[in-house]
Amino acid sequence: MNAEPAQAPFAYLFWVTGARRAQHAALRAEGSTIGAGGDSDVVVDDPGVSNEHLRLRREDGAWFVYDLASDSGTTVGGNTIYRHPLTDGDCIGFGETEVVFRVLGPETVGVLP
């Protein structure tokens, strides 16, 4: 029996508000940093966003978001967080920006939410 290895799902952020509205960014499983600074993996032009504002990464098969001691904080579903597990469809807020976290498995690649 030839079982194919399961492919890891792809995770993305889809911008709902802010300067990047209607854009998306792919996340790296080992971690993606979001902020206003040029050293961030995903740079956001938002006056309320710190240089390194938040980080998303996959740990033991689950995705987490971390606030990186930002000035204005990070929310998930409107609640302020420091570390929070994410599920598909969670709304993440930082500065004046809101994004939707989406996990797309191999069967849904190419299908936008």
PDB file of N, CA and C in Angstrom:
ATOM      1  N   MET A   1       0.841  -1.166   0.000  1.00  0.00           N
ATOM      2  CA  MET A   1       0.000   0.000   0.000  1.00  0.00           C
ATOM      3  C   MET A   1       0.895   1.241   0.000  1.00  0.00           C
ATOM      4  N   ASN A   2       0.705   2.117  -0.954  1.00  0.00           N
ATOM      5  CA  ASN A   2       1.492   3.345  -1.063  1.00  0.00           C
ATOM      6  C   ASN A   2       0.690   4.509  -0.502  1.00  0.00           C
ATOM      7  N   ALA A   3       1.017   4.870   0.692  1.00  0.00           N
ATOM      8  CA  ALA A   3       0.343   6.024   1.293  1.00  0.00           C
ATOM      9  C   ALA A   3       1.195   7.261   1.044  1.00  0.00           C
ATOM     10  N   GLU A   4       0.559   8.283   0.492  1.00  0.00           N
ATOM     11  CA  GLU A   4       1.280   9.527   0.252  1.00  0.00           C
ATOM     12  C   GLU A   4       1.351  10.303   1.555  1.00  0.00           C
ATOM     13  N   PRO A   5       2.488  10.967   1.817  1.00  0.00           N
ATOM     14  CA  PRO A   5       2.586  11.761   3.042  1.00  0.00           C
ATOM     15  C   PRO A   5       1.598  12.914   3.005  1.00  0.00           C
ATOM     16  N   ALA A   6       1.025  13.192   4.157  1.00  0.00           N
ATOM     17  CA  ALA A   6       0.066  14.293   4.242  1.00  0.00           C
ATOM     18  C   ALA A   6       0.813  15.611   4.086  1.00  0.00           C
ATOM     19  N   GLN A   7       0.265  16.483   3.251  1.00  0.00           N
ATOM     20  CA  GLN A   7       0.869  17.787   3.079  1.00  0.00           C
ATOM     21  C   GLN A   7       0.384  18.729   4.164  1.00  0.00           C
ATOM     22  N   ALA A   8       1.286  19.568   4.635  1.00  0.00           N
ATOM     23  CA  ALA A   8       0.924  20.551   5.650  1.00  0.00           C
ATOM     24  C   ALA A   8       0.004  21.594   5.040  1.00  0.00           C
ATOM     25  N   PRO A   9      -0.953  22.069   5.799  1.00  0.00           N
ATOM     26  CA  PRO A   9      -1.820  23.125   5.284  1.00  0.00           C
ATOM     27  C   PRO A   9      -1.045  24.432   5.147  1.00  0.00           C
ATOM     28  N   PHE A  10      -1.549  25.283   4.285  1.00  0.00           N
ATOM     29  CA  PHE A  10      -0.971  26.602   4.081  1.00  0.00           C
ATOM     30  C   PHE A  10      -1.749  27.593   4.932  1.00  0.00           C
ATOM     31  N   ALA A  11      -1.063  28.538   5.554  1.00  0.00           N
ATOM     32  CA  ALA A  11      -1.730  29.554   6.361  1.00  0.00           C
ATOM     33  C   ALA A  11      -1.469  30.926   5.749  1.00  0.00           C
ATOM     34  N   TYR A  12      -2.500  31.751   5.784  1.00  0.00           N
ATOM     35  CA  TYR A  12      -2.452  33.083   5.201  1.00  0.00           C
ATOM     36  C   TYR A  12      -3.138  34.078   6.110  1.00  0.00           C
ATOM     37  N   LEU A  13      -2.790  35.347   5.926  1.00  0.00           N
ATOM     38  CA  LEU A  13      -3.534  36.457   6.499  1.00  0.00           C
ATOM     39  C   LEU A  13      -4.172  37.212   5.345  1.00  0.00           C
ATOM     40  N   PHE A  14      -5.456  37.515   5.484  1.00  0.00           N
ATOM     41  CA  PHE A  14      -6.180  38.299   4.492  1.00  0.00           C
ATOM     42  C   PHE A  14      -6.580  39.619   5.136  1.00  0.00           C
ATOM     43  N   TRP A  15      -6.128  40.739   4.554  1.00  0.00           N
ATOM     44  CA  TRP A  15      -6.404  42.058   5.113  1.00  0.00           C
ATOM     45  C   TRP A  15      -7.851  42.463   4.852  1.00  0.00           C
ATOM     46  N   VAL A  16      -8.540  42.858   5.937  1.00  0.00           N
ATOM     47  CA  VAL A  16      -9.914  43.326   5.867  1.00  0.00           C
ATOM     48  C   VAL A  16      -9.935  44.851   5.913  1.00  0.00           C
ATOM     49  N   THR A  17      -9.056  45.448   6.742  1.00  0.00           N
ATOM     50  CA  THR A  17      -8.958  46.899   6.851  1.00  0.00           C
ATOM     51  C   THR A  17      -7.493  47.305   6.821  1.00  0.00           C
ATOM     52  N   GLY A  18      -7.249  48.594   6.714  1.00  0.00           N
ATOM     53  CA  GLY A  18      -5.889  49.107   6.757  1.00  0.00           C
ATOM     54  C   GLY A  18      -5.316  49.325   5.370  1.00  0.00           C
ATOM     55  N   ALA A  19      -4.051  49.738   5.345  1.00  0.00           N
ATOM     56  CA  ALA A  19      -3.380  50.111   4.101  1.00  0.00           C
ATOM     57  C   ALA A  19      -3.252  48.942   3.123  1.00  0.00           C
ATOM     58  N   ARG A  20      -3.239  47.719   3.612  1.00  0.00           N
ATOM     59  CA  ARG A  20      -3.091  46.540   2.743  1.00  0.00           C
ATOM     60  C   ARG A  20      -4.429  45.874   2.437  1.00  0.00           C
ATOM     61  N   ARG A  21      -5.531  46.576   2.659  1.00  0.00           N
ATOM     62  CA  ARG A  21      -6.866  46.006   2.455  1.00  0.00           C
ATOM     63  C   ARG A  21      -6.942  45.270   1.115  1.00  0.00           C
ATOM     64  N   ALA A  22      -7.549  44.089   1.151  1.00  0.00           N
ATOM     65  CA  ALA A  22      -7.759  43.215  -0.005  1.00  0.00           C
ATOM     66  C   ALA A  22      -6.480  42.487  -0.433  1.00  0.00           C
ATOM     67  N   GLN A  23      -5.395  42.596   0.342  1.00  0.00           N
ATOM     68  CA  GLN A  23      -4.177  41.850   0.058  1.00  0.00           C
ATOM     69  C   GLN A  23      -4.096  40.639   0.982  1.00  0.00           C
ATOM     70  N   HIS A  24      -3.137  39.783   0.707  1.00  0.00           N
ATOM     71  CA  HIS A  24      -2.911  38.637   1.590  1.00  0.00           C
ATOM     72  C   HIS A  24      -1.415  38.377   1.695  1.00  0.00           C
ATOM     73  N   ALA A  25      -1.042  37.635   2.732  1.00  0.00           N
ATOM     74  CA  ALA A  25       0.352  37.262   2.950  1.00  0.00           C
ATOM     75  C   ALA A  25       0.394  35.820   3.431  1.00  0.00           C
ATOM     76  N   ALA A  26       1.288  35.049   2.841  1.00  0.00           N
ATOM     77  CA  ALA A  26       1.498  33.664   3.274  1.00  0.00           C
ATOM     78  C   ALA A  26       2.356  33.670   4.527  1.00  0.00           C
ATOM     79  N   LEU A  27       2.080  32.737   5.431  1.00  0.00           N
ATOM     80  CA  LEU A  27       2.827  32.622   6.678  1.00  0.00           C
ATOM     81  C   LEU A  27       3.768  31.432   6.615  1.00  0.00           C
ATOM     82  N   ARG A  28       4.947  31.595   7.200  1.00  0.00           N
ATOM     83  CA  ARG A  28       5.910  30.504   7.282  1.00  0.00           C
ATOM     84  C   ARG A  28       5.665  29.754   8.589  1.00  0.00           C
ATOM     85  N   ALA A  29       5.685  28.440   8.534  1.00  0.00           N
ATOM     86  CA  ALA A  29       5.426  27.623   9.720  1.00  0.00           C
ATOM     87  C   ALA A  29       6.414  27.920  10.836  1.00  0.00           C
ATOM     88  N   GLU A  30       7.671  28.213  10.495  1.00  0.00           N
ATOM     89  CA  GLU A  30       8.675  28.499  11.520  1.00  0.00           C
ATOM     90  C   GLU A  30       8.500  29.885  12.129  1.00  0.00           C
ATOM     91  N   GLY A  31       7.631  30.680  11.559  1.00  0.00           N
ATOM     92  CA  GLY A  31       7.309  31.975  12.134  1.00  0.00           C
ATOM     93  C   GLY A  31       7.386  33.110  11.145  1.00  0.00           C
ATOM     94  N   SER A  32       6.428  34.013  11.236  1.00  0.00           N
ATOM     95  CA  SER A  32       6.390  35.231  10.438  1.00  0.00           C
ATOM     96  C   SER A  32       6.117  36.390  11.370  1.00  0.00           C
ATOM     97  N   THR A  33       6.967  37.424  11.287  1.00  0.00           N
ATOM     98  CA  THR A  33       6.817  38.615  12.108  1.00  0.00           C
ATOM     99  C   THR A  33       6.123  39.689  11.288  1.00  0.00           C
ATOM    100  N   ILE A  34       5.178  40.379  11.917  1.00  0.00           N
ATOM    101  CA  ILE A  34       4.438  41.451  11.263  1.00  0.00           C
ATOM    102  C   ILE A  34       4.685  42.732  12.029  1.00  0.00           C
ATOM    103  N   GLY A  35       4.987  43.803  11.304  1.00  0.00           N
ATOM    104  CA  GLY A  35       5.213  45.079  11.953  1.00  0.00           C
ATOM    105  C   GLY A  35       5.475  46.183  10.953  1.00  0.00           C
ATOM    106  N   ALA A  36       5.724  47.378  11.472  1.00  0.00           N
ATOM    107  CA  ALA A  36       5.965  48.546  10.631  1.00  0.00           C
ATOM    108  C   ALA A  36       7.427  48.653  10.212  1.00  0.00           C
ATOM    109  N   GLY A  37       8.306  47.930  10.871  1.00  0.00           N
ATOM    110  CA  GLY A  37       9.736  48.005  10.585  1.00  0.00           C
ATOM    111  C   GLY A  37      10.147  47.171   9.400  1.00  0.00           C
ATOM    112  N   GLY A  38      11.204  47.592   8.736  1.00  0.00           N
ATOM    113  CA  GLY A  38      11.706  46.889   7.568  1.00  0.00           C
ATOM    114  C   GLY A  38      12.252  45.508   7.858  1.00  0.00           C
ATOM    115  N   ASP A  39      12.544  45.191   9.119  1.00  0.00           N
ATOM    116  CA  ASP A  39      13.048  43.868   9.461  1.00  0.00           C
ATOM    117  C   ASP A  39      11.926  42.836   9.625  1.00  0.00           C
ATOM    118  N   SER A  40      10.677  43.293   9.633  1.00  0.00           N
ATOM    119  CA  SER A  40       9.547  42.367   9.766  1.00  0.00           C
ATOM    120  C   SER A  40       9.373  41.589   8.470  1.00  0.00           C
ATOM    121  N   ASP A  41       8.876  40.356   8.585  1.00  0.00           N
ATOM    122  CA  ASP A  41       8.606  39.544   7.395  1.00  0.00           C
ATOM    123  C   ASP A  41       7.491  40.148   6.555  1.00  0.00           C
ATOM    124  N   VAL A  42       6.479  40.692   7.234  1.00  0.00           N
ATOM    125  CA  VAL A  42       5.358  41.348   6.571  1.00  0.00           C
ATOM    126  C   VAL A  42       5.302  42.769   7.115  1.00  0.00           C
ATOM    127  N   VAL A  43       5.576  43.751   6.260  1.00  0.00           N
ATOM    128  CA  VAL A  43       5.608  45.152   6.673  1.00  0.00           C
ATOM    129  C   VAL A  43       4.225  45.772   6.457  1.00  0.00           C
ATOM    130  N   VAL A  44       3.744  46.457   7.512  1.00  0.00           N
ATOM    131  CA  VAL A  44       2.428  47.080   7.489  1.00  0.00           C
ATOM    132  C   VAL A  44       2.596  48.576   7.717  1.00  0.00           C
ATOM    133  N   ASP A  45       2.053  49.386   6.816  1.00  0.00           N
ATOM    134  CA  ASP A  45       2.097  50.841   6.943  1.00  0.00           C
ATOM    135  C   ASP A  45       0.872  51.283   7.744  1.00  0.00           C
ATOM    136  N   ASP A  46       1.039  51.331   9.051  1.00  0.00           N
ATOM    137  CA  ASP A  46      -0.052  51.668   9.964  1.00  0.00           C
ATOM    138  C   ASP A  46       0.583  52.379  11.159  1.00  0.00           C
ATOM    139  N   PRO A  47       0.164  53.613  11.459  1.00  0.00           N
ATOM    140  CA  PRO A  47       0.795  54.353  12.558  1.00  0.00           C
ATOM    141  C   PRO A  47       0.627  53.697  13.923  1.00  0.00           C
ATOM    142  N   GLY A  48      -0.336  52.805  14.090  1.00  0.00           N
ATOM    143  CA  GLY A  48      -0.558  52.136  15.361  1.00  0.00           C
ATOM    144  C   GLY A  48       0.169  50.816  15.508  1.00  0.00           C
ATOM    145  N   VAL A  49       1.001  50.479  14.522  1.00  0.00           N
ATOM    146  CA  VAL A  49       1.707  49.201  14.527  1.00  0.00           C
ATOM    147  C   VAL A  49       3.167  49.434  14.900  1.00  0.00           C
ATOM    148  N   SER A  50       3.663  48.661  15.860  1.00  0.00           N
ATOM    149  CA  SER A  50       5.062  48.732  16.285  1.00  0.00           C
ATOM    150  C   SER A  50       5.971  48.130  15.216  1.00  0.00           C
ATOM    151  N   ASN A  51       7.276  48.412  15.318  1.00  0.00           N
ATOM    152  CA  ASN A  51       8.228  47.891  14.333  1.00  0.00           C
ATOM    153  C   ASN A  51       8.168  46.373  14.216  1.00  0.00           C
ATOM    154  N   GLU A  52       8.123  45.670  15.333  1.00  0.00           N
ATOM    155  CA  GLU A  52       7.879  44.226  15.363  1.00  0.00           C
ATOM    156  C   GLU A  52       6.694  44.029  16.283  1.00  0.00           C
ATOM    157  N   HIS A  53       5.516  43.945  15.723  1.00  0.00           N
ATOM    158  CA  HIS A  53       4.275  44.006  16.490  1.00  0.00           C
ATOM    159  C   HIS A  53       3.792  42.632  16.958  1.00  0.00           C
ATOM    160  N   LEU A  54       3.745  41.682  16.040  1.00  0.00           N
ATOM    161  CA  LEU A  54       3.249  40.350  16.385  1.00  0.00           C
ATOM    162  C   LEU A  54       3.946  39.294  15.555  1.00  0.00           C
ATOM    163  N   ARG A  55       3.822  38.053  16.031  1.00  0.00           N
ATOM    164  CA  ARG A  55       4.441  36.912  15.342  1.00  0.00           C
ATOM    165  C   ARG A  55       3.438  35.780  15.308  1.00  0.00           C
ATOM    166  N   LEU A  56       3.365  35.123  14.166  1.00  0.00           N
ATOM    167  CA  LEU A  56       2.526  33.937  14.015  1.00  0.00           C
ATOM    168  C   LEU A  56       3.437  32.774  13.670  1.00  0.00           C
ATOM    169  N   ARG A  57       3.196  31.642  14.332  1.00  0.00           N
ATOM    170  CA  ARG A  57       3.991  30.455  14.029  1.00  0.00           C
ATOM    171  C   ARG A  57       3.224  29.195  14.379  1.00  0.00           C
ATOM    172  N   ARG A  58       3.671  28.128  13.763  1.00  0.00           N
ATOM    173  CA  ARG A  58       3.044  26.821  13.973  1.00  0.00           C
ATOM    174  C   ARG A  58       3.855  26.052  15.004  1.00  0.00           C
ATOM    175  N   GLU A  59       3.148  25.508  16.002  1.00  0.00           N
ATOM    176  CA  GLU A  59       3.780  24.725  17.064  1.00  0.00           C
ATOM    177  C   GLU A  59       2.978  23.451  17.265  1.00  0.00           C
ATOM    178  N   ASP A  60       3.639  22.319  17.128  1.00  0.00           N
ATOM    179  CA  ASP A  60       2.989  21.015  17.334  1.00  0.00           C
ATOM    180  C   ASP A  60       1.675  20.898  16.558  1.00  0.00           C
ATOM    181  N   GLY A  61       1.684  21.378  15.325  1.00  0.00           N
ATOM    182  CA  GLY A  61       0.528  21.243  14.454  1.00  0.00           C
ATOM    183  C   GLY A  61      -0.532  22.314  14.605  1.00  0.00           C
ATOM    184  N   ALA A  62      -0.375  23.224  15.548  1.00  0.00           N
ATOM    185  CA  ALA A  62      -1.355  24.301  15.757  1.00  0.00           C
ATOM    186  C   ALA A  62      -0.682  25.652  15.514  1.00  0.00           C
ATOM    187  N   TRP A  63      -1.461  26.639  15.084  1.00  0.00           N
ATOM    188  CA  TRP A  63      -0.954  27.987  14.858  1.00  0.00           C
ATOM    189  C   TRP A  63      -1.218  28.853  16.078  1.00  0.00           C
ATOM    190  N   PHE A  64      -0.247  29.715  16.402  1.00  0.00           N
ATOM    191  CA  PHE A  64      -0.362  30.645  17.521  1.00  0.00           C
ATOM    192  C   PHE A  64       0.017  32.041  17.063  1.00  0.00           C
ATOM    193  N   VAL A  65      -0.581  33.037  17.717  1.00  0.00           N
ATOM    194  CA  VAL A  65      -0.192  34.428  17.508  1.00  0.00           C
ATOM    195  C   VAL A  65       0.361  34.944  18.830  1.00  0.00           C
ATOM    196  N   TYR A  66       1.447  35.700  18.740  1.00  0.00           N
ATOM    197  CA  TYR A  66       2.101  36.297  19.906  1.00  0.00           C
ATOM    198  C   TYR A  66       2.169  37.795  19.711  1.00  0.00           C
ATOM    199  N   ASP A  67       1.766  38.557  20.713  1.00  0.00           N
ATOM    200  CA  ASP A  67       2.027  39.989  20.710  1.00  0.00           C
ATOM    201  C   ASP A  67       3.462  40.165  21.182  1.00  0.00           C
ATOM    202  N   LEU A  68       4.233  40.985  20.477  1.00  0.00           N
ATOM    203  CA  LEU A  68       5.651  41.158  20.794  1.00  0.00           C
ATOM    204  C   LEU A  68       5.875  42.428  21.611  1.00  0.00           C
ATOM    205  N   ALA A  69       5.120  42.557  22.708  1.00  0.00           N
ATOM    206  CA  ALA A  69       5.213  43.728  23.594  1.00  0.00           C
ATOM    207  C   ALA A  69       4.986  45.010  22.808  1.00  0.00           C
ATOM    208  N   SER A  70       4.004  44.973  21.914  1.00  0.00           N
ATOM    209  CA  SER A  70       3.697  46.134  21.085  1.00  0.00           C
ATOM    210  C   SER A  70       3.113  47.262  21.925  1.00  0.00           C
ATOM    211  N   ASP A  71       3.170  48.476  21.391  1.00  0.00           N
ATOM    212  CA  ASP A  71       2.632  49.640  22.099  1.00  0.00           C
ATOM    213  C   ASP A  71       1.110  49.615  22.182  1.00  0.00           C
ATOM    214  N   SER A  72       0.445  49.183  21.108  1.00  0.00           N
ATOM    215  CA  SER A  72      -1.018  49.259  21.069  1.00  0.00           C
ATOM    216  C   SER A  72      -1.717  47.917  21.258  1.00  0.00           C
ATOM    217  N   GLY A  73      -0.961  46.823  21.352  1.00  0.00           N
ATOM    218  CA  GLY A  73      -1.561  45.517  21.610  1.00  0.00           C
ATOM    219  C   GLY A  73      -2.058  44.808  20.365  1.00  0.00           C
ATOM    220  N   THR A  74      -2.455  43.565  20.581  1.00  0.00           N
ATOM    221  CA  THR A  74      -2.979  42.690  19.534  1.00  0.00           C
ATOM    222  C   THR A  74      -4.249  42.056  20.065  1.00  0.00           C
ATOM    223  N   THR A  75      -5.257  41.937  19.202  1.00  0.00           N
ATOM    224  CA  THR A  75      -6.513  41.310  19.612  1.00  0.00           C
ATOM    225  C   THR A  75      -6.834  40.127  18.705  1.00  0.00           C
ATOM    226  N   VAL A  76      -7.555  39.176  19.268  1.00  0.00           N
ATOM    227  CA  VAL A  76      -8.153  38.085  18.498  1.00  0.00           C
ATOM    228  C   VAL A  76      -9.618  38.069  18.882  1.00  0.00           C
ATOM    229  N   GLY A  77     -10.472  38.259  17.904  1.00  0.00           N
ATOM    230  CA  GLY A  77     -11.907  38.314  18.179  1.00  0.00           C
ATOM    231  C   GLY A  77     -12.281  39.453  19.112  1.00  0.00           C
ATOM    232  N   GLY A  78     -11.505  40.530  19.095  1.00  0.00           N
ATOM    233  CA  GLY A  78     -11.787  41.690  19.933  1.00  0.00           C
ATOM    234  C   GLY A  78     -11.204  41.628  21.331  1.00  0.00           C
ATOM    235  N   ASN A  79     -10.585  40.512  21.704  1.00  0.00           N
ATOM    236  CA  ASN A  79      -9.985  40.348  23.030  1.00  0.00           C
ATOM    237  C   ASN A  79      -8.470  40.517  22.961  1.00  0.00           C
ATOM    238  N   THR A  80      -7.919  41.323  23.859  1.00  0.00           N
ATOM    239  CA  THR A  80      -6.477  41.542  23.898  1.00  0.00           C
ATOM    240  C   THR A  80      -5.773  40.247  24.279  1.00  0.00           C
ATOM    241  N   ILE A  81      -4.712  39.930  23.546  1.00  0.00           N
ATOM    242  CA  ILE A  81      -3.972  38.683  23.775  1.00  0.00           C
ATOM    243  C   ILE A  81      -2.477  38.960  23.909  1.00  0.00           C
ATOM    244  N   TYR A  82      -1.775  37.999  24.481  1.00  0.00           N
ATOM    245  CA  TYR A  82      -0.316  38.002  24.501  1.00  0.00           C
ATOM    246  C   TYR A  82       0.185  36.785  23.740  1.00  0.00           C
ATOM    247  N   ARG A  83      -0.504  35.663  23.922  1.00  0.00           N
ATOM    248  CA  ARG A  83      -0.268  34.420  23.183  1.00  0.00           C
ATOM    249  C   ARG A  83      -1.636  33.779  23.040  1.00  0.00           C
ATOM    250  N   HIS A  84      -1.958  33.353  21.826  1.00  0.00           N
ATOM    251  CA  HIS A  84      -3.299  32.819  21.614  1.00  0.00           C
ATOM    252  C   HIS A  84      -3.281  31.789  20.493  1.00  0.00           C
ATOM    253  N   PRO A  85      -3.928  30.624  20.706  1.00  0.00           N
ATOM    254  CA  PRO A  85      -4.049  29.653  19.617  1.00  0.00           C
ATOM    255  C   PRO A  85      -5.041  30.175  18.582  1.00  0.00           C
ATOM    256  N   LEU A  86      -4.764  29.895  17.324  1.00  0.00           N
ATOM    257  CA  LEU A  86      -5.619  30.380  16.247  1.00  0.00           C
ATOM    258  C   LEU A  86      -6.387  29.245  15.595  1.00  0.00           C
ATOM    259  N   THR A  87      -7.581  29.565  15.154  1.00  0.00           N
ATOM    260  CA  THR A  87      -8.366  28.641  14.350  1.00  0.00           C
ATOM    261  C   THR A  87      -8.736  29.354  13.054  1.00  0.00           C
ATOM    262  N   ASP A  88      -8.998  28.577  12.036  1.00  0.00           N
ATOM    263  CA  ASP A  88      -9.349  29.113  10.733  1.00  0.00           C
ATOM    264  C   ASP A  88     -10.500  30.114  10.861  1.00  0.00           C
ATOM    265  N   GLY A  89     -10.306  31.313  10.326  1.00  0.00           N
ATOM    266  CA  GLY A  89     -11.341  32.336  10.340  1.00  0.00           C
ATOM    267  C   GLY A  89     -11.227  33.344  11.470  1.00  0.00           C
ATOM    268  N   ASP A  90     -10.253  33.173  12.371  1.00  0.00           N
ATOM    269  CA  ASP A  90     -10.073  34.144  13.463  1.00  0.00           C
ATOM    270  C   ASP A  90      -9.723  35.518  12.902  1.00  0.00           C
ATOM    271  N   CYS A  91     -10.288  36.561  13.531  1.00  0.00           N
ATOM    272  CA  CYS A  91      -9.971  37.945  13.181  1.00  0.00           C
ATOM    273  C   CYS A  91      -8.912  38.457  14.149  1.00  0.00           C
ATOM    274  N   ILE A  92      -7.819  38.970  13.593  1.00  0.00           N
ATOM    275  CA  ILE A  92      -6.709  39.491  14.381  1.00  0.00           C
ATOM    276  C   ILE A  92      -6.633  40.992  14.132  1.00  0.00           C
ATOM    277  N   GLY A  93      -6.557  41.772  15.216  1.00  0.00           N
ATOM    278  CA  GLY A  93      -6.457  43.210  15.092  1.00  0.00           C
ATOM    279  C   GLY A  93      -5.155  43.723  15.669  1.00  0.00           C
ATOM    280  N   PHE A  94      -4.559  44.700  14.993  1.00  0.00           N
ATOM    281  CA  PHE A  94      -3.344  45.353  15.470  1.00  0.00           C
ATOM    282  C   PHE A  94      -3.296  46.731  14.831  1.00  0.00           C
ATOM    283  N   GLY A  95      -3.049  47.754  15.670  1.00  0.00           N
ATOM    284  CA  GLY A  95      -3.114  49.123  15.174  1.00  0.00           C
ATOM    285  C   GLY A  95      -4.504  49.395  14.632  1.00  0.00           C
ATOM    286  N   GLU A  96      -4.575  49.954  13.428  1.00  0.00           N
ATOM    287  CA  GLU A  96      -5.861  50.200  12.761  1.00  0.00           C
ATOM    288  C   GLU A  96      -6.153  49.123  11.724  1.00  0.00           C
ATOM    289  N   THR A  97      -5.464  48.014  11.825  1.00  0.00           N
ATOM    290  CA  THR A  97      -5.527  46.945  10.835  1.00  0.00           C
ATOM    291  C   THR A  97      -6.261  45.737  11.397  1.00  0.00           C
ATOM    292  N   GLU A  98      -7.061  45.107  10.549  1.00  0.00           N
ATOM    293  CA  GLU A  98      -7.710  43.850  10.903  1.00  0.00           C
ATOM    294  C   GLU A  98      -7.483  42.865   9.768  1.00  0.00           C
ATOM    295  N   VAL A  99      -7.083  41.643  10.152  1.00  0.00           N
ATOM    296  CA  VAL A  99      -6.845  40.577   9.186  1.00  0.00           C
ATOM    297  C   VAL A  99      -7.638  39.345   9.600  1.00  0.00           C
ATOM    298  N   VAL A 100      -7.844  38.465   8.644  1.00  0.00           N
ATOM    299  CA  VAL A 100      -8.475  37.181   8.921  1.00  0.00           C
ATOM    300  C   VAL A 100      -7.428  36.108   8.691  1.00  0.00           C
ATOM    301  N   PHE A 101      -7.277  35.229   9.674  1.00  0.00           N
ATOM    302  CA  PHE A 101      -6.357  34.103   9.603  1.00  0.00           C
ATOM    303  C   PHE A 101      -7.073  32.951   8.914  1.00  0.00           C
ATOM    304  N   ARG A 102      -6.451  32.408   7.864  1.00  0.00           N
ATOM    305  CA  ARG A 102      -7.049  31.275   7.152  1.00  0.00           C
ATOM    306  C   ARG A 102      -6.027  30.165   6.988  1.00  0.00           C
ATOM    307  N   VAL A 103      -6.480  28.947   7.192  1.00  0.00           N
ATOM    308  CA  VAL A 103      -5.662  27.767   6.941  1.00  0.00           C
ATOM    309  C   VAL A 103      -6.292  27.049   5.762  1.00  0.00           C
ATOM    310  N   LEU A 104      -5.492  26.841   4.727  1.00  0.00           N
ATOM    311  CA  LEU A 104      -5.971  26.176   3.530  1.00  0.00           C
ATOM    312  C   LEU A 104      -5.208  24.881   3.364  1.00  0.00           C
ATOM    313  N   GLY A 105      -5.915  23.772   3.389  1.00  0.00           N
ATOM    314  CA  GLY A 105      -5.281  22.478   3.180  1.00  0.00           C
ATOM    315  C   GLY A 105      -5.096  22.219   1.702  1.00  0.00           C
ATOM    316  N   PRO A 106      -4.418  21.139   1.356  1.00  0.00           N
ATOM    317  CA  PRO A 106      -4.155  20.827  -0.049  1.00  0.00           C
ATOM    318  C   PRO A 106      -5.420  20.757  -0.890  1.00  0.00           C
ATOM    319  N   GLU A 107      -6.530  20.365  -0.271  1.00  0.00           N
ATOM    320  CA  GLU A 107      -7.779  20.242  -1.025  1.00  0.00           C
ATOM    321  C   GLU A 107      -8.425  21.587  -1.317  1.00  0.00           C
ATOM    322  N   THR A 108      -7.991  22.650  -0.652  1.00  0.00           N
ATOM    323  CA  THR A 108      -8.593  23.959  -0.879  1.00  0.00           C
ATOM    324  C   THR A 108      -7.654  24.968  -1.509  1.00  0.00           C
ATOM    325  N   VAL A 109      -6.432  24.564  -1.843  1.00  0.00           N
ATOM    326  CA  VAL A 109      -5.491  25.498  -2.455  1.00  0.00           C
ATOM    327  C   VAL A 109      -6.084  25.987  -3.774  1.00  0.00           C
ATOM    328  N   GLY A 110      -6.029  27.284  -3.975  1.00  0.00           N
ATOM    329  CA  GLY A 110      -6.588  27.886  -5.174  1.00  0.00           C
ATOM    330  C   GLY A 110      -8.000  28.387  -4.977  1.00  0.00           C
ATOM    331  N   VAL A 111      -8.599  28.097  -3.851  1.00  0.00           N
ATOM    332  CA  VAL A 111      -9.953  28.556  -3.552  1.00  0.00           C
ATOM    333  C   VAL A 111      -9.834  29.634  -2.490  1.00  0.00           C
ATOM    334  N   LEU A 112     -10.102  30.875  -2.859  1.00  0.00           N
ATOM    335  CA  LEU A 112     -10.003  31.967  -1.899  1.00  0.00           C
ATOM    336  C   LEU A 112     -11.232  31.992  -1.011  1.00  0.00           C
ATOM    337  N   PRO A 113     -11.049  32.445   0.225  1.00  0.00           N
ATOM    338  CA  PRO A 113     -12.189  32.519   1.146  1.00  0.00           C
ATOM    339  C   PRO A 113     -13.179  33.583   0.733  1.00  0.00           C
TER     340      PRO A 113
END
